[in-house]
């Protein structure tokens, strides 16, 4: 598994130069590079016959995959007439893609071998890249349609700095909650609900939680378009606190509903979070700032992942993790 580590590192580190190139060169051009790069790297990985070949392919996948968040989300926000709704729809498809990736890879590997798990998605990505590039050449996909072009340009520098400090502090807390929850949930369900059902039963419940909660990003996106972004973002964090504390005391299947509410509230605030970041960022710097946010989220996620085994080793269970999550929500 260590062969995948450089790819994960590049997935975060390369987001900064990707955002810079999206700002300075072309967002559609960078997205074309994303499709061709990820697809080509996946094909290289699927054809590799040595560990070095696998290492190169997996690292390249992480590098090209880093383009999407800083470039794609920035481009989406400045072209969408309703940014909150667009971000919500984008988030739902992203969550479904993440949830379905393991299933698709598992089916391909089971019936056609491990190489197919890289070759088939890789070729599909290259095919999408070809279609996308043709749309660019035809003028159907352009840098910008002039929507939301002035967002963030008339805001005083002092307000921008204050907003960034508040946002980045909240991003850290929200990232810790999300990553800790995603890593800990299978064990929590296994310990509290399906002790005799094994990993499959717990994993099925986790998949159910994330599949249902993904839809809350649509609700969060609509709220972000209709109400104050700051209030929408604030209340999604505040409402997590009582839900987490009730979950701490719950040892029946009501915990599944509480988990859906926990994850749902966490991701429902993401459209407002991204819209706020876009609002307070000058257009020329938007891709770079989304890159900074993504690097920060990835780094914090590492801490969240490490927190789960630390609490389990210290206390023998993950009950105290709920208290930690509540404290993170309070700090947000």
C-alpha atoms as a PDB file:
ATOM      1  CA  UNK A   1       0.000   0.000   0.000  1.00  0.00           C
ATOM      2  CA  UNK A   2       2.955   2.344   0.400  1.00  0.00           C
ATOM      3  CA  UNK A   3       3.058   2.644  -3.398  1.00  0.00           C
ATOM      4  CA  UNK A   4      -0.102   4.798  -3.191  1.00  0.00           C
ATOM      5  CA  UNK A   5       1.300   7.216  -0.590  1.00  0.00           C
ATOM      6  CA  UNK A   6       3.108   9.575  -3.035  1.00  0.00           C
ATOM      7  CA  UNK A   7      -0.108   9.807  -5.038  1.00  0.00           C
ATOM      8  CA  UNK A   8      -2.064  10.914  -1.970  1.00  0.00           C
ATOM      9  CA  UNK A   9       0.650  13.453  -1.155  1.00  0.00           C
ATOM     10  CA  UNK A  10       0.573  14.890  -4.676  1.00  0.00           C
ATOM     11  CA  UNK A  11      -3.224  14.954  -4.580  1.00  0.00           C
ATOM     12  CA  UNK A  12      -2.914  17.673  -1.946  1.00  0.00           C
ATOM     13  CA  UNK A  13       0.394  19.371  -2.730  1.00  0.00           C
ATOM     14  CA  UNK A  14      -0.256  19.770  -6.473  1.00  0.00           C
ATOM     15  CA  UNK A  15      -3.571  21.545  -5.814  1.00  0.00           C
ATOM     16  CA  UNK A  16      -1.714  24.850  -5.277  1.00  0.00           C
ATOM     17  CA  UNK A  17       0.108  24.962  -8.641  1.00  0.00           C
ATOM     18  CA  UNK A  18      -3.037  23.619 -10.325  1.00  0.00           C
ATOM     19  CA  UNK A  19      -5.066  26.511  -8.945  1.00  0.00           C
ATOM     20  CA  UNK A  20      -2.363  28.970 -10.009  1.00  0.00           C
ATOM     21  CA  UNK A  21      -2.376  27.617 -13.561  1.00  0.00           C
ATOM     22  CA  UNK A  22      -6.175  27.760 -13.633  1.00  0.00           C
ATOM     23  CA  UNK A  23      -6.008  31.454 -12.687  1.00  0.00           C
ATOM     24  CA  UNK A  24      -3.108  32.417 -14.946  1.00  0.00           C
ATOM     25  CA  UNK A  25      -3.755  30.224 -17.987  1.00  0.00           C
ATOM     26  CA  UNK A  26      -7.169  28.622 -18.564  1.00  0.00           C
ATOM     27  CA  UNK A  27      -9.693  26.806 -16.382  1.00  0.00           C
ATOM     28  CA  UNK A  28     -11.198  24.818 -19.307  1.00  0.00           C
ATOM     29  CA  UNK A  29      -7.676  23.993 -20.485  1.00  0.00           C
ATOM     30  CA  UNK A  30      -6.732  22.707 -17.047  1.00  0.00           C
ATOM     31  CA  UNK A  31      -9.893  20.606 -16.880  1.00  0.00           C
ATOM     32  CA  UNK A  32      -8.960  19.054 -20.230  1.00  0.00           C
ATOM     33  CA  UNK A  33      -5.529  18.266 -18.763  1.00  0.00           C
ATOM     34  CA  UNK A  34      -7.339  16.737 -15.788  1.00  0.00           C
ATOM     35  CA  UNK A  35      -9.373  14.296 -17.912  1.00  0.00           C
ATOM     36  CA  UNK A  36      -6.490  13.304 -20.192  1.00  0.00           C
ATOM     37  CA  UNK A  37      -3.980  13.184 -17.337  1.00  0.00           C
ATOM     38  CA  UNK A  38      -6.020  11.094 -14.899  1.00  0.00           C
ATOM     39  CA  UNK A  39      -7.162   8.767 -17.681  1.00  0.00           C
ATOM     40  CA  UNK A  40      -3.689   8.336 -19.155  1.00  0.00           C
ATOM     41  CA  UNK A  41      -2.138   7.772 -15.724  1.00  0.00           C
ATOM     42  CA  UNK A  42      -4.779   5.137 -14.911  1.00  0.00           C
ATOM     43  CA  UNK A  43      -4.021   3.324 -18.166  1.00  0.00           C
ATOM     44  CA  UNK A  44      -0.285   3.431 -17.400  1.00  0.00           C
ATOM     45  CA  UNK A  45      -1.019   1.978 -13.959  1.00  0.00           C
ATOM     46  CA  UNK A  46      -3.175  -0.781 -15.417  1.00  0.00           C
ATOM     47  CA  UNK A  47      -0.431  -1.756 -17.858  1.00  0.00           C
ATOM     48  CA  UNK A  48       2.408  -1.640 -15.309  1.00  0.00           C
ATOM     49  CA  UNK A  49       4.410  -4.819 -14.785  1.00  0.00           C
ATOM     50  CA  UNK A  50       6.787  -3.605 -12.063  1.00  0.00           C
ATOM     51  CA  UNK A  51       6.489  -1.902  -8.693  1.00  0.00           C
ATOM     52  CA  UNK A  52       8.228   1.165 -10.127  1.00  0.00           C
ATOM     53  CA  UNK A  53       5.641   1.292 -12.900  1.00  0.00           C
ATOM     54  CA  UNK A  54       2.838   1.105 -10.359  1.00  0.00           C
ATOM     55  CA  UNK A  55       4.490   3.818  -8.272  1.00  0.00           C
ATOM     56  CA  UNK A  56       4.793   6.143 -11.274  1.00  0.00           C
ATOM     57  CA  UNK A  57       1.226   5.499 -12.395  1.00  0.00           C
ATOM     58  CA  UNK A  58      -0.366   5.974  -8.970  1.00  0.00           C
ATOM     59  CA  UNK A  59       1.648   9.136  -8.319  1.00  0.00           C
ATOM     60  CA  UNK A  60       0.578  10.540 -11.688  1.00  0.00           C
ATOM     61  CA  UNK A  61      -3.082   9.771 -10.897  1.00  0.00           C
ATOM     62  CA  UNK A  62      -2.829  11.773  -7.661  1.00  0.00           C
ATOM     63  CA  UNK A  63      -1.041  14.638  -9.397  1.00  0.00           C
ATOM     64  CA  UNK A  64      -3.580  15.067 -12.191  1.00  0.00           C
ATOM     65  CA  UNK A  65      -6.535  14.429  -9.865  1.00  0.00           C
ATOM     66  CA  UNK A  66      -5.443  17.438  -7.779  1.00  0.00           C
ATOM     67  CA  UNK A  67      -6.599  19.736 -10.593  1.00  0.00           C
ATOM     68  CA  UNK A  68     -10.323  19.247 -10.098  1.00  0.00           C
ATOM     69  CA  UNK A  69     -11.079  20.953  -6.776  1.00  0.00           C
ATOM     70  CA  UNK A  70      -9.119  24.223  -7.070  1.00  0.00           C
ATOM     71  CA  UNK A  71      -9.829  24.673 -10.798  1.00  0.00           C
ATOM     72  CA  UNK A  72     -13.207  23.023 -11.297  1.00  0.00           C
ATOM     73  CA  UNK A  73     -14.982  24.493  -8.276  1.00  0.00           C
ATOM     74  CA  UNK A  74     -13.569  27.966  -8.920  1.00  0.00           C
ATOM     75  CA  UNK A  75     -14.691  27.796 -12.550  1.00  0.00           C
ATOM     76  CA  UNK A  76     -18.119  26.496 -11.524  1.00  0.00           C
ATOM     77  CA  UNK A  77     -18.709  29.320  -9.044  1.00  0.00           C
ATOM     78  CA  UNK A  78     -17.841  32.130 -11.429  1.00  0.00           C
ATOM     79  CA  UNK A  79     -20.043  30.760 -14.205  1.00  0.00           C
ATOM     80  CA  UNK A  80     -23.115  29.682 -12.248  1.00  0.00           C
ATOM     81  CA  UNK A  81     -26.097  32.056 -11.992  1.00  0.00           C
ATOM     82  CA  UNK A  82     -27.031  30.246  -8.740  1.00  0.00           C
ATOM     83  CA  UNK A  83     -23.695  29.229  -7.183  1.00  0.00           C
ATOM     84  CA  UNK A  84     -25.219  27.537  -4.141  1.00  0.00           C
ATOM     85  CA  UNK A  85     -27.415  25.256  -6.223  1.00  0.00           C
ATOM     86  CA  UNK A  86     -24.552  24.466  -8.624  1.00  0.00           C
ATOM     87  CA  UNK A  87     -22.213  23.641  -5.739  1.00  0.00           C
ATOM     88  CA  UNK A  88     -24.879  21.466  -4.130  1.00  0.00           C
ATOM     89  CA  UNK A  89     -25.436  19.449  -7.317  1.00  0.00           C
ATOM     90  CA  UNK A  90     -21.684  19.168  -7.820  1.00  0.00           C
ATOM     91  CA  UNK A  91     -21.271  17.923  -4.252  1.00  0.00           C
ATOM     92  CA  UNK A  92     -23.961  15.254  -4.627  1.00  0.00           C
ATOM     93  CA  UNK A  93     -22.354  13.854  -7.774  1.00  0.00           C
ATOM     94  CA  UNK A  94     -18.950  13.958  -6.056  1.00  0.00           C
ATOM     95  CA  UNK A  95     -20.276  12.043  -3.063  1.00  0.00           C
ATOM     96  CA  UNK A  96     -21.977   9.468  -5.272  1.00  0.00           C
ATOM     97  CA  UNK A  97     -18.765   9.079  -7.251  1.00  0.00           C
ATOM     98  CA  UNK A  98     -16.783   8.474  -4.092  1.00  0.00           C
ATOM     99  CA  UNK A  99     -19.349   5.992  -2.808  1.00  0.00           C
ATOM    100  CA  UNK A 100     -19.540   4.160  -6.132  1.00  0.00           C
ATOM    101  CA  UNK A 101     -15.807   4.054  -6.832  1.00  0.00           C
ATOM    102  CA  UNK A 102     -15.110   1.177  -4.464  1.00  0.00           C
ATOM    103  CA  UNK A 103     -18.045  -0.809  -5.834  1.00  0.00           C
ATOM    104  CA  UNK A 104     -17.065  -0.296  -9.491  1.00  0.00           C
ATOM    105  CA  UNK A 105     -13.414  -1.078  -8.806  1.00  0.00           C
ATOM    106  CA  UNK A 106     -14.383  -4.179  -6.837  1.00  0.00           C
ATOM    107  CA  UNK A 107     -16.661  -5.520  -9.574  1.00  0.00           C
ATOM    108  CA  UNK A 108     -14.080  -4.900 -12.325  1.00  0.00           C
ATOM    109  CA  UNK A 109     -11.292  -6.484 -10.286  1.00  0.00           C
ATOM    110  CA  UNK A 110     -13.430  -9.462  -9.310  1.00  0.00           C
ATOM    111  CA  UNK A 111     -14.610 -10.363 -12.809  1.00  0.00           C
ATOM    112  CA  UNK A 112     -11.844  -8.999 -15.069  1.00  0.00           C
ATOM    113  CA  UNK A 113      -8.741  -8.681 -12.881  1.00  0.00           C
ATOM    114  CA  UNK A 114      -7.117  -5.768 -11.069  1.00  0.00           C
ATOM    115  CA  UNK A 115      -5.823  -4.177 -14.272  1.00  0.00           C
ATOM    116  CA  UNK A 116      -9.372  -3.618 -15.493  1.00  0.00           C
ATOM    117  CA  UNK A 117     -10.066  -1.499 -12.381  1.00  0.00           C
ATOM    118  CA  UNK A 118      -7.556   1.007 -13.795  1.00  0.00           C
ATOM    119  CA  UNK A 119      -7.878   0.487 -17.559  1.00  0.00           C
ATOM    120  CA  UNK A 120     -11.660   0.832 -17.892  1.00  0.00           C
ATOM    121  CA  UNK A 121     -12.059   4.060 -15.851  1.00  0.00           C
ATOM    122  CA  UNK A 122      -8.874   5.394 -17.460  1.00  0.00           C
ATOM    123  CA  UNK A 123     -10.162   4.885 -20.997  1.00  0.00           C
ATOM    124  CA  UNK A 124     -13.524   6.407 -20.055  1.00  0.00           C
ATOM    125  CA  UNK A 125     -11.739   9.463 -18.644  1.00  0.00           C
ATOM    126  CA  UNK A 126      -9.709   9.867 -21.837  1.00  0.00           C
ATOM    127  CA  UNK A 127     -12.915   9.561 -23.860  1.00  0.00           C
ATOM    128  CA  UNK A 128     -14.572  12.268 -21.778  1.00  0.00           C
ATOM    129  CA  UNK A 129     -11.456  14.392 -22.268  1.00  0.00           C
ATOM    130  CA  UNK A 130     -11.768  14.042 -26.055  1.00  0.00           C
ATOM    131  CA  UNK A 131     -15.405  15.166 -25.976  1.00  0.00           C
ATOM    132  CA  UNK A 132     -14.559  18.032 -23.611  1.00  0.00           C
ATOM    133  CA  UNK A 133     -11.697  19.206 -25.833  1.00  0.00           C
ATOM    134  CA  UNK A 134     -13.965  19.175 -28.901  1.00  0.00           C
ATOM    135  CA  UNK A 135     -16.480  21.331 -27.003  1.00  0.00           C
ATOM    136  CA  UNK A 136     -13.680  23.792 -26.192  1.00  0.00           C
ATOM    137  CA  UNK A 137     -12.656  23.977 -29.871  1.00  0.00           C
ATOM    138  CA  UNK A 138     -16.273  24.555 -30.914  1.00  0.00           C
ATOM    139  CA  UNK A 139     -16.658  27.354 -28.374  1.00  0.00           C
ATOM    140  CA  UNK A 140     -19.387  25.542 -26.414  1.00  0.00           C
ATOM    141  CA  UNK A 141     -17.116  25.518 -23.348  1.00  0.00           C
ATOM    142  CA  UNK A 142     -15.454  28.826 -22.577  1.00  0.00           C
ATOM    143  CA  UNK A 143     -13.373  30.439 -19.850  1.00  0.00           C
ATOM    144  CA  UNK A 144     -16.261  32.489 -18.539  1.00  0.00           C
ATOM    145  CA  UNK A 145     -19.707  33.644 -19.519  1.00  0.00           C
ATOM    146  CA  UNK A 146     -19.407  36.818 -17.511  1.00  0.00           C
ATOM    147  CA  UNK A 147     -21.464  35.681 -14.519  1.00  0.00           C
ATOM    148  CA  UNK A 148     -20.294  36.697 -11.053  1.00  0.00           C
ATOM    149  CA  UNK A 149     -17.186  38.298 -12.489  1.00  0.00           C
ATOM    150  CA  UNK A 150     -17.020  41.119  -9.997  1.00  0.00           C
ATOM    151  CA  UNK A 151     -17.562  39.037  -6.876  1.00  0.00           C
ATOM    152  CA  UNK A 152     -15.029  39.825  -4.194  1.00  0.00           C
ATOM    153  CA  UNK A 153     -13.323  42.695  -6.060  1.00  0.00           C
ATOM    154  CA  UNK A 154     -14.880  45.632  -4.183  1.00  0.00           C
ATOM    155  CA  UNK A 155     -14.465  44.271  -0.647  1.00  0.00           C
ATOM    156  CA  UNK A 156     -11.970  46.075   1.620  1.00  0.00           C
ATOM    157  CA  UNK A 157      -8.710  44.207   2.203  1.00  0.00           C
ATOM    158  CA  UNK A 158      -9.260  44.214   5.973  1.00  0.00           C
ATOM    159  CA  UNK A 159     -12.625  42.431   5.562  1.00  0.00           C
ATOM    160  CA  UNK A 160     -11.058  39.901   3.204  1.00  0.00           C
ATOM    161  CA  UNK A 161      -8.339  39.059   5.716  1.00  0.00           C
ATOM    162  CA  UNK A 162     -10.843  38.747   8.553  1.00  0.00           C
ATOM    163  CA  UNK A 163     -13.086  36.505   6.453  1.00  0.00           C
ATOM    164  CA  UNK A 164     -10.184  34.246   5.483  1.00  0.00           C
ATOM    165  CA  UNK A 165      -9.065  33.820   9.088  1.00  0.00           C
ATOM    166  CA  UNK A 166     -12.580  32.894  10.166  1.00  0.00           C
ATOM    167  CA  UNK A 167     -13.155  30.613   7.187  1.00  0.00           C
ATOM    168  CA  UNK A 168      -9.881  28.758   7.465  1.00  0.00           C
ATOM    169  CA  UNK A 169     -10.374  28.212  11.210  1.00  0.00           C
ATOM    170  CA  UNK A 170     -13.828  26.799  10.492  1.00  0.00           C
ATOM    171  CA  UNK A 171     -12.537  24.686   7.602  1.00  0.00           C
ATOM    172  CA  UNK A 172     -10.095  23.041  10.016  1.00  0.00           C
ATOM    173  CA  UNK A 173     -12.871  22.153  12.476  1.00  0.00           C
ATOM    174  CA  UNK A 174     -15.269  20.971   9.759  1.00  0.00           C
ATOM    175  CA  UNK A 175     -12.522  18.869   8.144  1.00  0.00           C
ATOM    176  CA  UNK A 176     -11.671  17.234  11.459  1.00  0.00           C
ATOM    177  CA  UNK A 177     -15.321  16.322  12.019  1.00  0.00           C
ATOM    178  CA  UNK A 178     -15.808  14.892   8.536  1.00  0.00           C
ATOM    179  CA  UNK A 179     -12.599  12.852   8.390  1.00  0.00           C
ATOM    180  CA  UNK A 180     -12.859  11.543  11.950  1.00  0.00           C
ATOM    181  CA  UNK A 181     -16.483  10.538  11.411  1.00  0.00           C
ATOM    182  CA  UNK A 182     -15.830   8.770   8.106  1.00  0.00           C
ATOM    183  CA  UNK A 183     -12.977   6.711   9.575  1.00  0.00           C
ATOM    184  CA  UNK A 184     -14.674   5.925  12.895  1.00  0.00           C
ATOM    185  CA  UNK A 185     -18.219   5.153  11.741  1.00  0.00           C
ATOM    186  CA  UNK A 186     -17.638   1.524  10.647  1.00  0.00           C
ATOM    187  CA  UNK A 187     -16.152   0.623  14.040  1.00  0.00           C
ATOM    188  CA  UNK A 188     -18.829   2.549  15.956  1.00  0.00           C
ATOM    189  CA  UNK A 189     -21.598   0.700  14.090  1.00  0.00           C
ATOM    190  CA  UNK A 190     -19.796  -2.603  14.559  1.00  0.00           C
ATOM    191  CA  UNK A 191     -19.395  -2.046  18.306  1.00  0.00           C
ATOM    192  CA  UNK A 192     -22.829  -0.590  19.046  1.00  0.00           C
ATOM    193  CA  UNK A 193     -25.198  -2.119  16.487  1.00  0.00           C
ATOM    194  CA  UNK A 194     -23.930  -5.137  14.547  1.00  0.00           C
ATOM    195  CA  UNK A 195     -21.328  -6.791  16.732  1.00  0.00           C
ATOM    196  CA  UNK A 196     -22.266 -10.195  15.287  1.00  0.00           C
ATOM    197  CA  UNK A 197     -22.758  -9.007  11.731  1.00  0.00           C
ATOM    198  CA  UNK A 198     -19.143  -8.440  10.813  1.00  0.00           C
ATOM    199  CA  UNK A 199     -17.607  -5.805   8.612  1.00  0.00           C
ATOM    200  CA  UNK A 200     -20.140  -6.243   5.789  1.00  0.00           C
ATOM    201  CA  UNK A 201     -23.117  -5.257   7.943  1.00  0.00           C
ATOM    202  CA  UNK A 202     -21.319  -2.236   9.399  1.00  0.00           C
ATOM    203  CA  UNK A 203     -20.047  -1.210   5.975  1.00  0.00           C
ATOM    204  CA  UNK A 204     -23.540  -1.435   4.496  1.00  0.00           C
ATOM    205  CA  UNK A 205     -24.887   0.878   7.175  1.00  0.00           C
ATOM    206  CA  UNK A 206     -22.059   3.346   6.534  1.00  0.00           C
ATOM    207  CA  UNK A 207     -22.797   3.290   2.797  1.00  0.00           C
ATOM    208  CA  UNK A 208     -26.464   3.971   3.557  1.00  0.00           C
ATOM    209  CA  UNK A 209     -25.553   6.926   5.766  1.00  0.00           C
ATOM    210  CA  UNK A 210     -23.363   8.592   3.155  1.00  0.00           C
ATOM    211  CA  UNK A 211     -25.725   7.865   0.257  1.00  0.00           C
ATOM    212  CA  UNK A 212     -28.658   9.558   2.014  1.00  0.00           C
ATOM    213  CA  UNK A 213     -26.683  12.420   3.566  1.00  0.00           C
ATOM    214  CA  UNK A 214     -25.165  13.351   0.183  1.00  0.00           C
ATOM    215  CA  UNK A 215     -28.547  14.768  -0.864  1.00  0.00           C
ATOM    216  CA  UNK A 216     -28.399  17.379   1.904  1.00  0.00           C
ATOM    217  CA  UNK A 217     -25.872  19.295  -0.190  1.00  0.00           C
ATOM    218  CA  UNK A 218     -28.749  20.151  -2.525  1.00  0.00           C
ATOM    219  CA  UNK A 219     -30.664  21.587   0.431  1.00  0.00           C
ATOM    220  CA  UNK A 220     -27.582  23.456   1.601  1.00  0.00           C
ATOM    221  CA  UNK A 221     -27.048  24.847  -1.892  1.00  0.00           C
ATOM    222  CA  UNK A 222     -30.614  26.139  -2.143  1.00  0.00           C
ATOM    223  CA  UNK A 223     -30.362  27.739   1.309  1.00  0.00           C
ATOM    224  CA  UNK A 224     -27.057  29.357   0.314  1.00  0.00           C
ATOM    225  CA  UNK A 225     -28.756  31.009  -2.671  1.00  0.00           C
ATOM    226  CA  UNK A 226     -31.792  32.203  -0.717  1.00  0.00           C
ATOM    227  CA  UNK A 227     -30.387  33.294   2.642  1.00  0.00           C
ATOM    228  CA  UNK A 228     -27.267  34.814   4.171  1.00  0.00           C
ATOM    229  CA  UNK A 229     -24.257  32.617   3.440  1.00  0.00           C
ATOM    230  CA  UNK A 230     -22.806  33.325   6.867  1.00  0.00           C
ATOM    231  CA  UNK A 231     -26.001  32.303   8.658  1.00  0.00           C
ATOM    232  CA  UNK A 232     -26.464  29.133   6.614  1.00  0.00           C
ATOM    233  CA  UNK A 233     -22.873  28.125   7.290  1.00  0.00           C
ATOM    234  CA  UNK A 234     -23.125  28.994  10.984  1.00  0.00           C
ATOM    235  CA  UNK A 235     -26.362  27.113  11.645  1.00  0.00           C
ATOM    236  CA  UNK A 236     -25.204  23.945   9.889  1.00  0.00           C
ATOM    237  CA  UNK A 237     -22.309  23.863  12.336  1.00  0.00           C
ATOM    238  CA  UNK A 238     -24.366  24.748  15.429  1.00  0.00           C
ATOM    239  CA  UNK A 239     -27.045  22.111  14.794  1.00  0.00           C
ATOM    240  CA  UNK A 240     -24.351  19.428  14.701  1.00  0.00           C
ATOM    241  CA  UNK A 241     -23.602  19.912  18.405  1.00  0.00           C
ATOM    242  CA  UNK A 242     -26.858  18.511  19.899  1.00  0.00           C
ATOM    243  CA  UNK A 243     -26.996  15.763  17.253  1.00  0.00           C
ATOM    244  CA  UNK A 244     -23.474  14.602  18.139  1.00  0.00           C
ATOM    245  CA  UNK A 245     -24.196  14.653  21.878  1.00  0.00           C
ATOM    246  CA  UNK A 246     -27.397  12.638  21.447  1.00  0.00           C
ATOM    247  CA  UNK A 247     -25.461  10.153  19.290  1.00  0.00           C
ATOM    248  CA  UNK A 248     -22.963   9.796  22.141  1.00  0.00           C
ATOM    249  CA  UNK A 249     -25.785   8.423  24.307  1.00  0.00           C
ATOM    250  CA  UNK A 250     -27.424   6.227  21.641  1.00  0.00           C
ATOM    251  CA  UNK A 251     -26.798   2.467  21.425  1.00  0.00           C
ATOM    252  CA  UNK A 252     -29.690   1.399  19.170  1.00  0.00           C
ATOM    253  CA  UNK A 253     -30.500   1.732  15.476  1.00  0.00           C
ATOM    254  CA  UNK A 254     -31.541   5.313  16.019  1.00  0.00           C
ATOM    255  CA  UNK A 255     -27.792   5.924  15.796  1.00  0.00           C
ATOM    256  CA  UNK A 256     -28.040   5.414  12.022  1.00  0.00           C
ATOM    257  CA  UNK A 257     -30.510   8.302  11.730  1.00  0.00           C
ATOM    258  CA  UNK A 258     -28.312  10.444  13.945  1.00  0.00           C
ATOM    259  CA  UNK A 259     -25.285   9.599  11.802  1.00  0.00           C
ATOM    260  CA  UNK A 260     -27.214  10.678   8.705  1.00  0.00           C
ATOM    261  CA  UNK A 261     -28.007  13.973  10.436  1.00  0.00           C
ATOM    262  CA  UNK A 262     -24.375  14.430  11.543  1.00  0.00           C
ATOM    263  CA  UNK A 263     -22.900  13.845   8.112  1.00  0.00           C
ATOM    264  CA  UNK A 264     -25.769  15.650   6.393  1.00  0.00           C
ATOM    265  CA  UNK A 265     -25.297  18.834   8.405  1.00  0.00           C
ATOM    266  CA  UNK A 266     -21.547  18.681   7.856  1.00  0.00           C
ATOM    267  CA  UNK A 267     -21.788  18.468   4.063  1.00  0.00           C
ATOM    268  CA  UNK A 268     -24.838  20.754   3.817  1.00  0.00           C
ATOM    269  CA  UNK A 269     -22.606  23.660   4.810  1.00  0.00           C
ATOM    270  CA  UNK A 270     -20.084  23.030   2.022  1.00  0.00           C
ATOM    271  CA  UNK A 271     -21.909  25.002  -0.721  1.00  0.00           C
ATOM    272  CA  UNK A 272     -22.104  28.027   1.589  1.00  0.00           C
ATOM    273  CA  UNK A 273     -18.459  27.549   2.584  1.00  0.00           C
ATOM    274  CA  UNK A 274     -17.259  27.499  -1.033  1.00  0.00           C
ATOM    275  CA  UNK A 275     -19.522  30.406  -1.972  1.00  0.00           C
ATOM    276  CA  UNK A 276     -18.148  32.471   0.920  1.00  0.00           C
ATOM    277  CA  UNK A 277     -14.583  31.714  -0.117  1.00  0.00           C
ATOM    278  CA  UNK A 278     -15.393  32.793  -3.669  1.00  0.00           C
ATOM    279  CA  UNK A 279     -17.122  35.969  -2.483  1.00  0.00           C
ATOM    280  CA  UNK A 280     -14.120  37.168  -0.511  1.00  0.00           C
ATOM    281  CA  UNK A 281     -11.523  36.172  -3.108  1.00  0.00           C
ATOM    282  CA  UNK A 282     -10.578  38.444  -6.028  1.00  0.00           C
ATOM    283  CA  UNK A 283     -11.282  36.660  -9.295  1.00  0.00           C
ATOM    284  CA  UNK A 284      -7.604  36.505 -10.286  1.00  0.00           C
ATOM    285  CA  UNK A 285      -6.765  34.580  -7.087  1.00  0.00           C
ATOM    286  CA  UNK A 286      -9.798  32.314  -6.802  1.00  0.00           C
ATOM    287  CA  UNK A 287      -8.231  29.078  -8.061  1.00  0.00           C
ATOM    288  CA  UNK A 288      -5.229  29.523  -5.801  1.00  0.00           C
ATOM    289  CA  UNK A 289      -7.382  30.126  -2.733  1.00  0.00           C
ATOM    290  CA  UNK A 290      -9.416  26.987  -3.403  1.00  0.00           C
ATOM    291  CA  UNK A 291      -6.078  25.197  -3.718  1.00  0.00           C
ATOM    292  CA  UNK A 292      -5.016  26.512  -0.303  1.00  0.00           C
ATOM    293  CA  UNK A 293      -8.333  25.392   1.183  1.00  0.00           C
ATOM    294  CA  UNK A 294      -7.960  21.908  -0.287  1.00  0.00           C
ATOM    295  CA  UNK A 295      -4.382  21.513   0.968  1.00  0.00           C
ATOM    296  CA  UNK A 296      -5.519  22.674   4.410  1.00  0.00           C
ATOM    297  CA  UNK A 297      -8.443  20.243   4.399  1.00  0.00           C
ATOM    298  CA  UNK A 298      -6.202  17.340   3.363  1.00  0.00           C
ATOM    299  CA  UNK A 299      -3.653  18.124   6.059  1.00  0.00           C
ATOM    300  CA  UNK A 300      -6.315  18.389   8.725  1.00  0.00           C
ATOM    301  CA  UNK A 301      -7.858  15.176   7.447  1.00  0.00           C
ATOM    302  CA  UNK A 302      -4.631  13.368   8.299  1.00  0.00           C
ATOM    303  CA  UNK A 303      -4.979  14.536  11.904  1.00  0.00           C
ATOM    304  CA  UNK A 304      -8.605  13.414  11.948  1.00  0.00           C
ATOM    305  CA  UNK A 305      -7.642   9.952  10.708  1.00  0.00           C
ATOM    306  CA  UNK A 306      -4.911   9.676  13.373  1.00  0.00           C
ATOM    307  CA  UNK A 307      -7.306  10.796  16.125  1.00  0.00           C
ATOM    308  CA  UNK A 308      -9.546   7.747  15.774  1.00  0.00           C
ATOM    309  CA  UNK A 309      -6.992   5.000  16.605  1.00  0.00           C
ATOM    310  CA  UNK A 310      -5.455   7.230  19.285  1.00  0.00           C
ATOM    311  CA  UNK A 311      -8.774   7.446  21.169  1.00  0.00           C
ATOM    312  CA  UNK A 312      -9.506   3.746  20.609  1.00  0.00           C
ATOM    313  CA  UNK A 313      -6.103   2.717  21.998  1.00  0.00           C
ATOM    314  CA  UNK A 314      -6.384   5.090  24.945  1.00  0.00           C
ATOM    315  CA  UNK A 315      -9.940   4.275  26.063  1.00  0.00           C
ATOM    316  CA  UNK A 316     -10.734   0.935  24.416  1.00  0.00           C
ATOM    317  CA  UNK A 317     -13.707   2.408  22.552  1.00  0.00           C
ATOM    318  CA  UNK A 318     -14.652   5.398  20.427  1.00  0.00           C
ATOM    319  CA  UNK A 319     -17.239   6.850  22.807  1.00  0.00           C
ATOM    320  CA  UNK A 320     -15.059   9.848  23.667  1.00  0.00           C
ATOM    321  CA  UNK A 321     -14.719  10.657  19.968  1.00  0.00           C
ATOM    322  CA  UNK A 322     -18.261  12.068  20.102  1.00  0.00           C
ATOM    323  CA  UNK A 323     -17.147  14.533  22.767  1.00  0.00           C
ATOM    324  CA  UNK A 324     -14.188  15.551  20.600  1.00  0.00           C
ATOM    325  CA  UNK A 325     -16.494  16.020  17.604  1.00  0.00           C
ATOM    326  CA  UNK A 326     -18.830  18.189  19.649  1.00  0.00           C
ATOM    327  CA  UNK A 327     -15.889  20.348  20.725  1.00  0.00           C
ATOM    328  CA  UNK A 328     -14.793  20.712  17.098  1.00  0.00           C
ATOM    329  CA  UNK A 329     -18.328  21.769  16.163  1.00  0.00           C
ATOM    330  CA  UNK A 330     -18.336  24.318  18.987  1.00  0.00           C
ATOM    331  CA  UNK A 331     -15.047  25.772  17.774  1.00  0.00           C
ATOM    332  CA  UNK A 332     -16.426  26.066  14.235  1.00  0.00           C
END
